[in-house]
Amino acid sequence: MSAAGPGTSSLPAWRLARRSYNVVLVCYDVTMVRTQILLTESQARALRRLSAEQGRSIAALVRDGVDVLLRRRGGGHEDRRRRALAAAGRFRSGVRDLGTAHDEHLAEAAGK
């Protein structure tokens, strides 16, 4: 489909109507947001090479890299919340009244 005509370009209509907006994709129950990044020539070359070697898209490799960075950093609020909820109730203190007398037990452990 072309938008050619008097006083118009021969570019496809989708190129002429291009606007700056966010695109949200849903893939395998994961919502994704389209973004644009700038890479150095060497980064782009290395990513293309790695993409070809692994048979994976550059986008997938970039997402993996972002995940590694976020894990190394300790994740965000949601990640900390998820880990805290997963840990709740998994350990036993051996103290039967810890839930009701936690302040006293904490003071005792601190040596007060």
Foldseek 3Di string as FASTA:
>chain_A
DAPDDVPDDRDRPCVVPDDDDWDWDQDPNDIDIDDDDDDDPVVVVVLVVVCVVVVHDSVVVVVVVVVVVCVVVVHDPVSVVVVVVVCPPPDDDPDPCCVPPVVVVVCVVVPD
